[in-house]
mmCIF file of all heavy atoms, coordinates in Angstrom:
data_MODEL
# 
_entry.id   MODEL 
# 
loop_
_atom_site.group_PDB 
_atom_site.id 
_atom_site.type_symbol 
_atom_site.label_atom_id 
_atom_site.label_alt_id 
_atom_site.label_comp_id 
_atom_site.label_asym_id 
_atom_site.label_entity_id 
_atom_site.label_seq_id 
_atom_site.pdbx_PDB_ins_code 
_atom_site.Cartn_x 
_atom_site.Cartn_y 
_atom_site.Cartn_z 
_atom_site.occupancy 
_atom_site.B_iso_or_equiv 
_atom_site.pdbx_formal_charge 
_atom_site.auth_seq_id 
_atom_site.auth_comp_id 
_atom_site.auth_asym_id 
_atom_site.auth_atom_id 
_atom_site.pdbx_PDB_model_num 
ATOM 1   N N   . ASP A 1 1  ? -24.695 11.358  -19.125 1.00 0.00 ? 1  ASP A N   1 
ATOM 2   C CA  . ASP A 1 1  ? -25.053 12.489  -18.249 1.00 0.00 ? 1  ASP A CA  1 
ATOM 3   C C   . ASP A 1 1  ? -25.443 11.995  -16.853 1.00 0.00 ? 1  ASP A C   1 
ATOM 4   O O   . ASP A 1 1  ? -25.035 12.558  -15.843 1.00 0.00 ? 1  ASP A O   1 
ATOM 5   C CB  . ASP A 1 1  ? -26.195 13.302  -18.863 1.00 0.00 ? 1  ASP A CB  1 
ATOM 6   C CG  . ASP A 1 1  ? -25.773 14.034  -20.130 1.00 0.00 ? 1  ASP A CG  1 
ATOM 7   O OD1 . ASP A 1 1  ? -24.570 14.348  -20.246 1.00 0.00 ? 1  ASP A OD1 1 
ATOM 8   O OD2 . ASP A 1 1  ? -26.630 14.267  -21.002 1.00 0.00 ? 1  ASP A OD2 1 
ATOM 9   N N   . ARG A 1 2  ? -26.239 10.901  -16.789 1.00 0.00 ? 2  ARG A N   1 
ATOM 10  C CA  . ARG A 1 2  ? -26.677 10.360  -15.501 1.00 0.00 ? 2  ARG A CA  1 
ATOM 11  C C   . ARG A 1 2  ? -25.479 9.884   -14.678 1.00 0.00 ? 2  ARG A C   1 
ATOM 12  O O   . ARG A 1 2  ? -25.378 10.161  -13.490 1.00 0.00 ? 2  ARG A O   1 
ATOM 13  C CB  . ARG A 1 2  ? -27.656 9.209   -15.719 1.00 0.00 ? 2  ARG A CB  1 
ATOM 14  C CG  . ARG A 1 2  ? -28.133 8.560   -14.423 1.00 0.00 ? 2  ARG A CG  1 
ATOM 15  C CD  . ARG A 1 2  ? -29.008 7.329   -14.653 1.00 0.00 ? 2  ARG A CD  1 
ATOM 16  N NE  . ARG A 1 2  ? -28.409 6.321   -15.502 1.00 0.00 ? 2  ARG A NE  1 
ATOM 17  C CZ  . ARG A 1 2  ? -27.496 5.417   -15.101 1.00 0.00 ? 2  ARG A CZ  1 
ATOM 18  N NH1 . ARG A 1 2  ? -27.064 5.429   -13.860 1.00 0.00 ? 2  ARG A NH1 1 
ATOM 19  N NH2 . ARG A 1 2  ? -27.030 4.521   -15.944 1.00 0.00 ? 2  ARG A NH2 1 
ATOM 20  N N   . MET A 1 3  ? -24.560 9.186   -15.322 1.00 0.00 ? 3  MET A N   1 
ATOM 21  C CA  . MET A 1 3  ? -23.392 8.680   -14.597 1.00 0.00 ? 3  MET A CA  1 
ATOM 22  C C   . MET A 1 3  ? -22.480 9.816   -14.144 1.00 0.00 ? 3  MET A C   1 
ATOM 23  O O   . MET A 1 3  ? -21.875 9.729   -13.073 1.00 0.00 ? 3  MET A O   1 
ATOM 24  C CB  . MET A 1 3  ? -22.627 7.681   -15.456 1.00 0.00 ? 3  MET A CB  1 
ATOM 25  C CG  . MET A 1 3  ? -23.326 6.352   -15.575 1.00 0.00 ? 3  MET A CG  1 
ATOM 26  S SD  . MET A 1 3  ? -22.347 5.206   -16.527 1.00 0.00 ? 3  MET A SD  1 
ATOM 27  C CE  . MET A 1 3  ? -23.484 4.816   -17.817 1.00 0.00 ? 3  MET A CE  1 
ATOM 28  N N   . ILE A 1 4  ? -22.396 10.871  -14.932 1.00 0.00 ? 4  ILE A N   1 
ATOM 29  C CA  . ILE A 1 4  ? -21.576 12.019  -14.539 1.00 0.00 ? 4  ILE A CA  1 
ATOM 30  C C   . ILE A 1 4  ? -22.130 12.614  -13.245 1.00 0.00 ? 4  ILE A C   1 
ATOM 31  O O   . ILE A 1 4  ? -21.381 12.940  -12.325 1.00 0.00 ? 4  ILE A O   1 
ATOM 32  C CB  . ILE A 1 4  ? -21.523 13.078  -15.665 1.00 0.00 ? 4  ILE A CB  1 
ATOM 33  C CG1 . ILE A 1 4  ? -20.718 12.537  -16.850 1.00 0.00 ? 4  ILE A CG1 1 
ATOM 34  C CG2 . ILE A 1 4  ? -20.911 14.382  -15.162 1.00 0.00 ? 4  ILE A CG2 1 
ATOM 35  C CD1 . ILE A 1 4  ? -20.814 13.378  -18.101 1.00 0.00 ? 4  ILE A CD1 1 
ATOM 36  N N   . ASN A 1 5  ? -23.469 12.716  -13.165 1.00 0.00 ? 5  ASN A N   1 
ATOM 37  C CA  . ASN A 1 5  ? -24.111 13.235  -11.950 1.00 0.00 ? 5  ASN A CA  1 
ATOM 38  C C   . ASN A 1 5  ? -23.813 12.350  -10.731 1.00 0.00 ? 5  ASN A C   1 
ATOM 39  O O   . ASN A 1 5  ? -23.742 12.838  -9.608  1.00 0.00 ? 5  ASN A O   1 
ATOM 40  C CB  . ASN A 1 5  ? -25.621 13.374  -12.141 1.00 0.00 ? 5  ASN A CB  1 
ATOM 41  C CG  . ASN A 1 5  ? -25.961 14.485  -13.118 1.00 0.00 ? 5  ASN A CG  1 
ATOM 42  O OD1 . ASN A 1 5  ? -25.182 15.415  -13.312 1.00 0.00 ? 5  ASN A OD1 1 
ATOM 43  N ND2 . ASN A 1 5  ? -27.114 14.378  -13.744 1.00 0.00 ? 5  ASN A ND2 1 
ATOM 44  N N   . ASP A 1 6  ? -23.654 11.037  -10.974 1.00 0.00 ? 6  ASP A N   1 
ATOM 45  C CA  . ASP A 1 6  ? -23.364 10.089  -9.881  1.00 0.00 ? 6  ASP A CA  1 
ATOM 46  C C   . ASP A 1 6  ? -21.862 9.884   -9.682  1.00 0.00 ? 6  ASP A C   1 
ATOM 47  O O   . ASP A 1 6  ? -21.457 9.084   -8.830  1.00 0.00 ? 6  ASP A O   1 
ATOM 48  C CB  . ASP A 1 6  ? -24.002 8.725   -10.181 1.00 0.00 ? 6  ASP A CB  1 
ATOM 49  C CG  . ASP A 1 6  ? -25.522 8.780   -10.192 1.00 0.00 ? 6  ASP A CG  1 
ATOM 50  O OD1 . ASP A 1 6  ? -26.094 9.720   -9.605  1.00 0.00 ? 6  ASP A OD1 1 
ATOM 51  O OD2 . ASP A 1 6  ? -26.126 7.875   -10.795 1.00 0.00 ? 6  ASP A OD2 1 
ATOM 52  N N   . ASN A 1 7  ? -21.040 10.567  -10.487 1.00 0.00 ? 7  ASN A N   1 
ATOM 53  C CA  . ASN A 1 7  ? -19.579 10.398  -10.443 1.00 0.00 ? 7  ASN A CA  1 
ATOM 54  C C   . ASN A 1 7  ? -19.150 8.942   -10.655 1.00 0.00 ? 7  ASN A C   1 
ATOM 55  O O   . ASN A 1 7  ? -18.272 8.436   -9.971  1.00 0.00 ? 7  ASN A O   1 
ATOM 56  C CB  . ASN A 1 7  ? -18.992 10.929  -9.126  1.00 0.00 ? 7  ASN A CB  1 
ATOM 57  C CG  . ASN A 1 7  ? -19.120 12.425  -9.023  1.00 0.00 ? 7  ASN A CG  1 
ATOM 58  O OD1 . ASN A 1 7  ? -18.857 13.135  -9.992  1.00 0.00 ? 7  ASN A OD1 1 
ATOM 59  N ND2 . ASN A 1 7  ? -19.546 12.903  -7.867  1.00 0.00 ? 7  ASN A ND2 1 
ATOM 60  N N   . THR A 1 8  ? -19.813 8.269   -11.603 1.00 0.00 ? 8  THR A N   1 
ATOM 61  C CA  . THR A 1 8  ? -19.477 6.881   -11.898 1.00 0.00 ? 8  THR A CA  1 
ATOM 62  C C   . THR A 1 8  ? -19.283 6.669   -13.397 1.00 0.00 ? 8  THR A C   1 
ATOM 63  O O   . THR A 1 8  ? -19.727 7.478   -14.224 1.00 0.00 ? 8  THR A O   1 
ATOM 64  C CB  . THR A 1 8  ? -20.574 5.913   -11.408 1.00 0.00 ? 8  THR A CB  1 
ATOM 65  O OG1 . THR A 1 8  ? -21.808 6.232   -12.050 1.00 0.00 ? 8  THR A OG1 1 
ATOM 66  C CG2 . THR A 1 8  ? -20.718 5.945   -9.899  1.00 0.00 ? 8  THR A CG2 1 
ATOM 67  N N   . TYR A 1 9  ? -18.622 5.569   -13.704 1.00 0.00 ? 9  TYR A N   1 
ATOM 68  C CA  . TYR A 1 9  ? -18.398 5.125   -15.076 1.00 0.00 ? 9  TYR A CA  1 
ATOM 69  C C   . TYR A 1 9  ? -18.803 3.666   -15.135 1.00 0.00 ? 9  TYR A C   1 
ATOM 70  O O   . TYR A 1 9  ? -18.480 2.894   -14.234 1.00 0.00 ? 9  TYR A O   1 
ATOM 71  C CB  . TYR A 1 9  ? -16.923 5.241   -15.457 1.00 0.00 ? 9  TYR A CB  1 
ATOM 72  C CG  . TYR A 1 9  ? -16.396 6.652   -15.387 1.00 0.00 ? 9  TYR A CG  1 
ATOM 73  C CD1 . TYR A 1 9  ? -16.028 7.226   -14.173 1.00 0.00 ? 9  TYR A CD1 1 
ATOM 74  C CD2 . TYR A 1 9  ? -16.277 7.404   -16.543 1.00 0.00 ? 9  TYR A CD2 1 
ATOM 75  C CE1 . TYR A 1 9  ? -15.551 8.519   -14.114 1.00 0.00 ? 9  TYR A CE1 1 
ATOM 76  C CE2 . TYR A 1 9  ? -15.794 8.708   -16.491 1.00 0.00 ? 9  TYR A CE2 1 
ATOM 77  C CZ  . TYR A 1 9  ? -15.442 9.257   -15.272 1.00 0.00 ? 9  TYR A CZ  1 
ATOM 78  O OH  . TYR A 1 9  ? -14.973 10.539  -15.211 1.00 0.00 ? 9  TYR A OH  1 
ATOM 79  N N   . GLU A 1 10 ? -19.487 3.283   -16.193 1.00 0.00 ? 10 GLU A N   1 
ATOM 80  C CA  . GLU A 1 10 ? -19.844 1.877   -16.354 1.00 0.00 ? 10 GLU A CA  1 
ATOM 81  C C   . GLU A 1 10 ? -18.758 1.187   -17.159 1.00 0.00 ? 10 GLU A C   1 
ATOM 82  O O   . GLU A 1 10 ? -18.376 1.663   -18.226 1.00 0.00 ? 10 GLU A O   1 
ATOM 83  C CB  . GLU A 1 10 ? -21.184 1.732   -17.075 1.00 0.00 ? 10 GLU A CB  1 
ATOM 84  C CG  . GLU A 1 10 ? -21.593 0.279   -17.256 1.00 0.00 ? 10 GLU A CG  1 
ATOM 85  C CD  . GLU A 1 10 ? -22.842 0.124   -18.081 1.00 0.00 ? 10 GLU A CD  1 
ATOM 86  O OE1 . GLU A 1 10 ? -22.767 0.357   -19.313 1.00 0.00 ? 10 GLU A OE1 1 
ATOM 87  O OE2 . GLU A 1 10 ? -23.883 -0.235  -17.500 1.00 0.00 ? 10 GLU A OE2 1 
ATOM 88  N N   . ILE A 1 11 ? -18.272 0.065   -16.643 1.00 0.00 ? 11 ILE A N   1 
ATOM 89  C CA  . ILE A 1 11 ? -17.317 -0.755  -17.378 1.00 0.00 ? 11 ILE A CA  1 
ATOM 90  C C   . ILE A 1 11 ? -17.943 -2.133  -17.552 1.00 0.00 ? 11 ILE A C   1 
ATOM 91  O O   . ILE A 1 11 ? -18.494 -2.703  -16.606 1.00 0.00 ? 11 ILE A O   1 
ATOM 92  C CB  . ILE A 1 11 ? -15.937 -0.831  -16.687 1.00 0.00 ? 11 ILE A CB  1 
ATOM 93  C CG1 . ILE A 1 11 ? -14.962 -1.644  -17.548 1.00 0.00 ? 11 ILE A CG1 1 
ATOM 94  C CG2 . ILE A 1 11 ? -16.041 -1.378  -15.278 1.00 0.00 ? 11 ILE A CG2 1 
ATOM 95  C CD1 . ILE A 1 11 ? -13.503 -1.539  -17.122 1.00 0.00 ? 11 ILE A CD1 1 
ATOM 96  N N   . VAL A 1 12 ? -17.897 -2.632  -18.787 1.00 0.00 ? 12 VAL A N   1 
ATOM 97  C CA  . VAL A 1 12 ? -18.464 -3.934  -19.112 1.00 0.00 ? 12 VAL A CA  1 
ATOM 98  C C   . VAL A 1 12 ? -17.355 -4.779  -19.733 1.00 0.00 ? 12 VAL A C   1 
ATOM 99  O O   . VAL A 1 12 ? -16.689 -4.343  -20.676 1.00 0.00 ? 12 VAL A O   1 
ATOM 100 C CB  . VAL A 1 12 ? -19.639 -3.817  -20.113 1.00 0.00 ? 12 VAL A CB  1 
ATOM 101 C CG1 . VAL A 1 12 ? -20.188 -5.185  -20.471 1.00 0.00 ? 12 VAL A CG1 1 
ATOM 102 C CG2 . VAL A 1 12 ? -20.723 -2.910  -19.562 1.00 0.00 ? 12 VAL A CG2 1 
ATOM 103 N N   . GLU A 1 13 ? -17.173 -5.978  -19.192 1.00 0.00 ? 13 GLU A N   1 
ATOM 104 C CA  . GLU A 1 13 ? -16.197 -6.909  -19.766 1.00 0.00 ? 13 GLU A CA  1 
ATOM 105 C C   . GLU A 1 13 ? -16.876 -7.645  -20.916 1.00 0.00 ? 13 GLU A C   1 
ATOM 106 O O   . GLU A 1 13 ? -17.915 -8.280  -20.730 1.00 0.00 ? 13 GLU A O   1 
ATOM 107 C CB  . GLU A 1 13 ? -15.721 -7.894  -18.699 1.00 0.00 ? 13 GLU A CB  1 
ATOM 108 C CG  . GLU A 1 13 ? -14.582 -8.756  -19.182 1.00 0.00 ? 13 GLU A CG  1 
ATOM 109 C CD  . GLU A 1 13 ? -14.048 -9.671  -18.097 1.00 0.00 ? 13 GLU A CD  1 
ATOM 110 O OE1 . GLU A 1 13 ? -14.278 -9.415  -16.899 1.00 0.00 ? 13 GLU A OE1 1 
ATOM 111 O OE2 . GLU A 1 13 ? -13.396 -10.660 -18.462 1.00 0.00 ? 13 GLU A OE2 1 
ATOM 112 N N   . ARG A 1 14 ? -16.311 -7.537  -22.102 1.00 0.00 ? 14 ARG A N   1 
ATOM 113 C CA  . ARG A 1 14 ? -16.932 -8.116  -23.296 1.00 0.00 ? 14 ARG A CA  1 
ATOM 114 C C   . ARG A 1 14 ? -17.111 -9.626  -23.186 1.00 0.00 ? 14 ARG A C   1 
ATOM 115 O O   . ARG A 1 14 ? -18.143 -10.172 -23.546 1.00 0.00 ? 14 ARG A O   1 
ATOM 116 C CB  . ARG A 1 14 ? -16.083 -7.768  -24.542 1.00 0.00 ? 14 ARG A CB  1 
ATOM 117 C CG  . ARG A 1 14 ? -16.470 -8.501  -25.806 1.00 0.00 ? 14 ARG A CG  1 
ATOM 118 C CD  . ARG A 1 14 ? -17.903 -8.189  -26.227 1.00 0.00 ? 14 ARG A CD  1 
ATOM 119 N NE  . ARG A 1 14 ? -18.266 -8.858  -27.441 1.00 0.00 ? 14 ARG A NE  1 
ATOM 120 C CZ  . ARG A 1 14 ? -18.802 -10.086 -27.496 1.00 0.00 ? 14 ARG A CZ  1 
ATOM 121 N NH1 . ARG A 1 14 ? -19.027 -10.774 -26.397 1.00 0.00 ? 14 ARG A NH1 1 
ATOM 122 N NH2 . ARG A 1 14 ? -19.124 -10.618 -28.650 1.00 0.00 ? 14 ARG A NH2 1 
ATOM 123 N N   . LYS A 1 15 ? -16.105 -10.311 -22.681 1.00 0.00 ? 15 LYS A N   1 
ATOM 124 C CA  . LYS A 1 15 ? -16.129 -11.771 -22.648 1.00 0.00 ? 15 LYS A CA  1 
ATOM 125 C C   . LYS A 1 15 ? -17.237 -12.302 -21.739 1.00 0.00 ? 15 LYS A C   1 
ATOM 126 O O   . LYS A 1 15 ? -17.905 -13.265 -22.080 1.00 0.00 ? 15 LYS A O   1 
ATOM 127 C CB  . LYS A 1 15 ? -14.768 -12.298 -22.189 1.00 0.00 ? 15 LYS A CB  1 
ATOM 128 C CG  . LYS A 1 15 ? -14.603 -13.784 -22.313 1.00 0.00 ? 15 LYS A CG  1 
ATOM 129 C CD  . LYS A 1 15 ? -13.208 -14.329 -22.046 1.00 0.00 ? 15 LYS A CD  1 
ATOM 130 C CE  . LYS A 1 15 ? -12.293 -13.462 -21.283 1.00 0.00 ? 15 LYS A CE  1 
ATOM 131 N NZ  . LYS A 1 15 ? -11.012 -14.067 -20.938 1.00 0.00 ? 15 LYS A NZ  1 
ATOM 132 N N   . THR A 1 16 ? -17.430 -11.693 -20.586 1.00 0.00 ? 16 THR A N   1 
ATOM 133 C CA  . THR A 1 16 ? -18.384 -12.210 -19.606 1.00 0.00 ? 16 THR A CA  1 
ATOM 134 C C   . THR A 1 16 ? -19.679 -11.399 -19.530 1.00 0.00 ? 16 THR A C   1 
ATOM 135 O O   . THR A 1 16 ? -20.672 -11.884 -19.004 1.00 0.00 ? 16 THR A O   1 
ATOM 136 C CB  . THR A 1 16 ? -17.764 -12.216 -18.197 1.00 0.00 ? 16 THR A CB  1 
ATOM 137 O OG1 . THR A 1 16 ? -17.503 -10.860 -17.802 1.00 0.00 ? 16 THR A OG1 1 
ATOM 138 C CG2 . THR A 1 16 ? -16.489 -13.032 -18.157 1.00 0.00 ? 16 THR A CG2 1 
ATOM 139 N N   . GLY A 1 17 ? -19.647 -10.156 -20.009 1.00 0.00 ? 17 GLY A N   1 
ATOM 140 C CA  . GLY A 1 17 ? -20.810 -9.285  -19.890 1.00 0.00 ? 17 GLY A CA  1 
ATOM 141 C C   . GLY A 1 17 ? -20.950 -8.664  -18.506 1.00 0.00 ? 17 GLY A C   1 
ATOM 142 O O   . GLY A 1 17 ? -21.913 -7.952  -18.237 1.00 0.00 ? 17 GLY A O   1 
ATOM 143 N N   . GLN A 1 18 ? -19.990 -8.920  -17.623 1.00 0.00 ? 18 GLN A N   1 
ATOM 144 C CA  . GLN A 1 18 ? -20.045 -8.390  -16.256 1.00 0.00 ? 18 GLN A CA  1 
ATOM 145 C C   . GLN A 1 18 ? -19.959 -6.862  -16.284 1.00 0.00 ? 18 GLN A C   1 
ATOM 146 O O   . GLN A 1 18 ? -19.066 -6.294  -16.897 1.00 0.00 ? 18 GLN A O   1 
ATOM 147 C CB  . GLN A 1 18 ? -18.917 -8.961  -15.417 1.00 0.00 ? 18 GLN A CB  1 
ATOM 148 C CG  . GLN A 1 18 ? -18.938 -8.483  -13.987 1.00 0.00 ? 18 GLN A CG  1 
ATOM 149 C CD  . GLN A 1 18 ? -17.808 -9.090  -13.161 1.00 0.00 ? 18 GLN A CD  1 
ATOM 150 O OE1 . GLN A 1 18 ? -17.064 -9.925  -13.618 1.00 0.00 ? 18 GLN A OE1 1 
ATOM 151 N NE2 . GLN A 1 18 ? -17.690 -8.624  -11.937 1.00 0.00 ? 18 GLN A NE2 1 
ATOM 152 N N   . LYS A 1 19 ? -20.907 -6.209  -15.583 1.00 0.00 ? 19 LYS A N   1 
ATOM 153 C CA  . LYS A 1 19 ? -20.967 -4.747  -15.521 1.00 0.00 ? 19 LYS A CA  1 
ATOM 154 C C   . LYS A 1 19 ? -20.630 -4.276  -14.120 1.00 0.00 ? 19 LYS A C   1 
ATOM 155 O O   . LYS A 1 19 ? -21.041 -4.884  -13.139 1.00 0.00 ? 19 LYS A O   1 
ATOM 156 C CB  . LYS A 1 19 ? -22.375 -4.243  -15.860 1.00 0.00 ? 19 LYS A CB  1 
ATOM 157 C CG  . LYS A 1 19 ? -22.821 -4.522  -17.252 1.00 0.00 ? 19 LYS A CG  1 
ATOM 158 C CD  . LYS A 1 19 ? -24.226 -4.002  -17.478 1.00 0.00 ? 19 LYS A CD  1 
ATOM 159 C CE  . LYS A 1 19 ? -24.682 -4.378  -18.886 1.00 0.00 ? 19 LYS A CE  1 
ATOM 160 N NZ  . LYS A 1 19 ? -26.027 -3.866  -19.175 1.00 0.00 ? 19 LYS A NZ  1 
ATOM 161 N N   . ASN A 1 20 ? -19.897 -3.170  -14.056 1.00 0.00 ? 20 ASN A N   1 
ATOM 162 C CA  . ASN A 1 20 ? -19.594 -2.533  -12.775 1.00 0.00 ? 20 ASN A CA  1 
ATOM 163 C C   . ASN A 1 20 ? -19.671 -1.029  -12.936 1.00 0.00 ? 20 ASN A C   1 
ATOM 164 O O   . ASN A 1 20 ? -19.303 -0.503  -13.987 1.00 0.00 ? 20 ASN A O   1 
ATOM 165 C CB  . ASN A 1 20 ? -18.184 -2.901  -12.299 1.00 0.00 ? 20 ASN A CB  1 
ATOM 166 C CG  . ASN A 1 20 ? -18.096 -4.338  -11.834 1.00 0.00 ? 20 ASN A CG  1 
ATOM 167 O OD1 . ASN A 1 20 ? -18.810 -4.743  -10.939 1.00 0.00 ? 20 ASN A OD1 1 
ATOM 168 N ND2 . ASN A 1 20 ? -17.225 -5.108  -12.469 1.00 0.00 ? 20 ASN A ND2 1 
ATOM 169 N N   . LEU A 1 21 ? -20.140 -0.362  -11.894 1.00 0.00 ? 21 LEU A N   1 
ATOM 170 C CA  . LEU A 1 21 ? -20.095 1.093   -11.839 1.00 0.00 ? 21 LEU A CA  1 
ATOM 171 C C   . LEU A 1 21 ? -18.936 1.467   -10.917 1.00 0.00 ? 21 LEU A C   1 
ATOM 172 O O   . LEU A 1 21 ? -18.899 1.044   -9.764  1.00 0.00 ? 21 LEU A O   1 
ATOM 173 C CB  . LEU A 1 21 ? -21.404 1.667   -11.296 1.00 0.00 ? 21 LEU A CB  1 
ATOM 174 C CG  . LEU A 1 21 ? -22.611 1.537   -12.223 1.00 0.00 ? 21 LEU A CG  1 
ATOM 175 C CD1 . LEU A 1 21 ? -23.871 2.037   -11.526 1.00 0.00 ? 21 LEU A CD1 1 
ATOM 176 C CD2 . LEU A 1 21 ? -22.384 2.288   -13.520 1.00 0.00 ? 21 LEU A CD2 1 
ATOM 177 N N   . LEU A 1 22 ? -17.999 2.238   -11.445 1.00 0.00 ? 22 LEU A N   1 
ATOM 178 C CA  . LEU A 1 22 ? -16.797 2.591   -10.707 1.00 0.00 ? 22 LEU A CA  1 
ATOM 179 C C   . LEU A 1 22 ? -16.590 4.095   -10.700 1.00 0.00 ? 22 LEU A C   1 
ATOM 180 O O   . LEU A 1 22 ? -17.022 4.784   -11.629 1.00 0.00 ? 22 LEU A O   1 
ATOM 181 C CB  . LEU A 1 22 ? -15.568 1.925   -11.339 1.00 0.00 ? 22 LEU A CB  1 
ATOM 182 C CG  . LEU A 1 22 ? -15.585 0.405   -11.503 1.00 0.00 ? 22 LEU A CG  1 
ATOM 183 C CD1 . LEU A 1 22 ? -14.344 -0.047  -12.273 1.00 0.00 ? 22 LEU A CD1 1 
ATOM 184 C CD2 . LEU A 1 22 ? -15.667 -0.280  -10.165 1.00 0.00 ? 22 LEU A CD2 1 
ATOM 185 N N   . THR A 1 23 ? -15.899 4.570   -9.697  1.00 0.00 ? 23 THR A N   1 
ATOM 186 C CA  . THR A 1 23 ? -15.466 5.965   -9.714  1.00 0.00 ? 23 THR A CA  1 
ATOM 187 C C   . THR A 1 23 ? -14.350 6.087   -10.750 1.00 0.00 ? 23 THR A C   1 
ATOM 188 O O   . THR A 1 23 ? -13.795 5.081   -11.210 1.00 0.00 ? 23 THR A O   1 
ATOM 189 C CB  . THR A 1 23 ? -14.924 6.397   -8.339  1.00 0.00 ? 23 THR A CB  1 
ATOM 190 O OG1 . THR A 1 23 ? -13.726 5.664   -8.071  1.00 0.00 ? 23 THR A OG1 1 
ATOM 191 C CG2 . THR A 1 23 ? -15.955 6.192   -7.246  1.00 0.00 ? 23 THR A CG2 1 
ATOM 192 N N   . ARG A 1 24 ? -13.987 7.291   -11.063 1.00 0.00 ? 24 ARG A N   1 
ATOM 193 C CA  . ARG A 1 24 ? -12.913 7.499   -12.039 1.00 0.00 ? 24 ARG A CA  1 
ATOM 194 C C   . ARG A 1 24 ? -11.604 6.857   -11.569 1.00 0.00 ? 24 ARG A C   1 
ATOM 195 O O   . ARG A 1 24 ? -10.927 6.191   -12.337 1.00 0.00 ? 24 ARG A O   1 
ATOM 196 C CB  . ARG A 1 24 ? -12.716 8.990   -12.309 1.00 0.00 ? 24 ARG A CB  1 
ATOM 197 C CG  . ARG A 1 24 ? -11.734 9.275   -13.435 1.00 0.00 ? 24 ARG A CG  1 
ATOM 198 C CD  . ARG A 1 24 ? -11.584 10.783  -13.646 1.00 0.00 ? 24 ARG A CD  1 
ATOM 199 N NE  . ARG A 1 24 ? -10.801 11.078  -14.815 1.00 0.00 ? 24 ARG A NE  1 
ATOM 200 C CZ  . ARG A 1 24 ? -11.285 11.500  -15.973 1.00 0.00 ? 24 ARG A CZ  1 
ATOM 201 N NH1 . ARG A 1 24 ? -12.582 11.651  -16.124 1.00 0.00 ? 24 ARG A NH1 1 
ATOM 202 N NH2 . ARG A 1 24 ? -10.483 11.757  -16.980 1.00 0.00 ? 24 ARG A NH2 1 
ATOM 203 N N   . GLN A 1 25 ? -11.265 7.038   -10.299 1.00 0.00 ? 25 GLN A N   1 
ATOM 204 C CA  . GLN A 1 25 ? -10.017 6.476   -9.781  1.00 0.00 ? 25 GLN A CA  1 
ATOM 205 C C   . GLN A 1 25 ? -10.063 4.948   -9.773  1.00 0.00 ? 25 GLN A C   1 
ATOM 206 O O   . GLN A 1 25 ? -9.090  4.304   -10.131 1.00 0.00 ? 25 GLN A O   1 
ATOM 207 C CB  . GLN A 1 25 ? -9.707  7.011   -8.377  1.00 0.00 ? 25 GLN A CB  1 
ATOM 208 C CG  . GLN A 1 25 ? -8.299  6.672   -7.914  1.00 0.00 ? 25 GLN A CG  1 
ATOM 209 C CD  . GLN A 1 25 ? -7.234  7.189   -8.887  1.00 0.00 ? 25 GLN A CD  1 
ATOM 210 O OE1 . GLN A 1 25 ? -7.189  8.361   -9.227  1.00 0.00 ? 25 GLN A OE1 1 
ATOM 211 N NE2 . GLN A 1 25 ? -6.365  6.285   -9.346  1.00 0.00 ? 25 GLN A NE2 1 
# 
């Protein structure tokens, strides 16, 4: 719900654990 309000999606790479917040596009 919080990310929807910010128009972001969290993507995490399993191998490295690197997290990024990205727009849908």
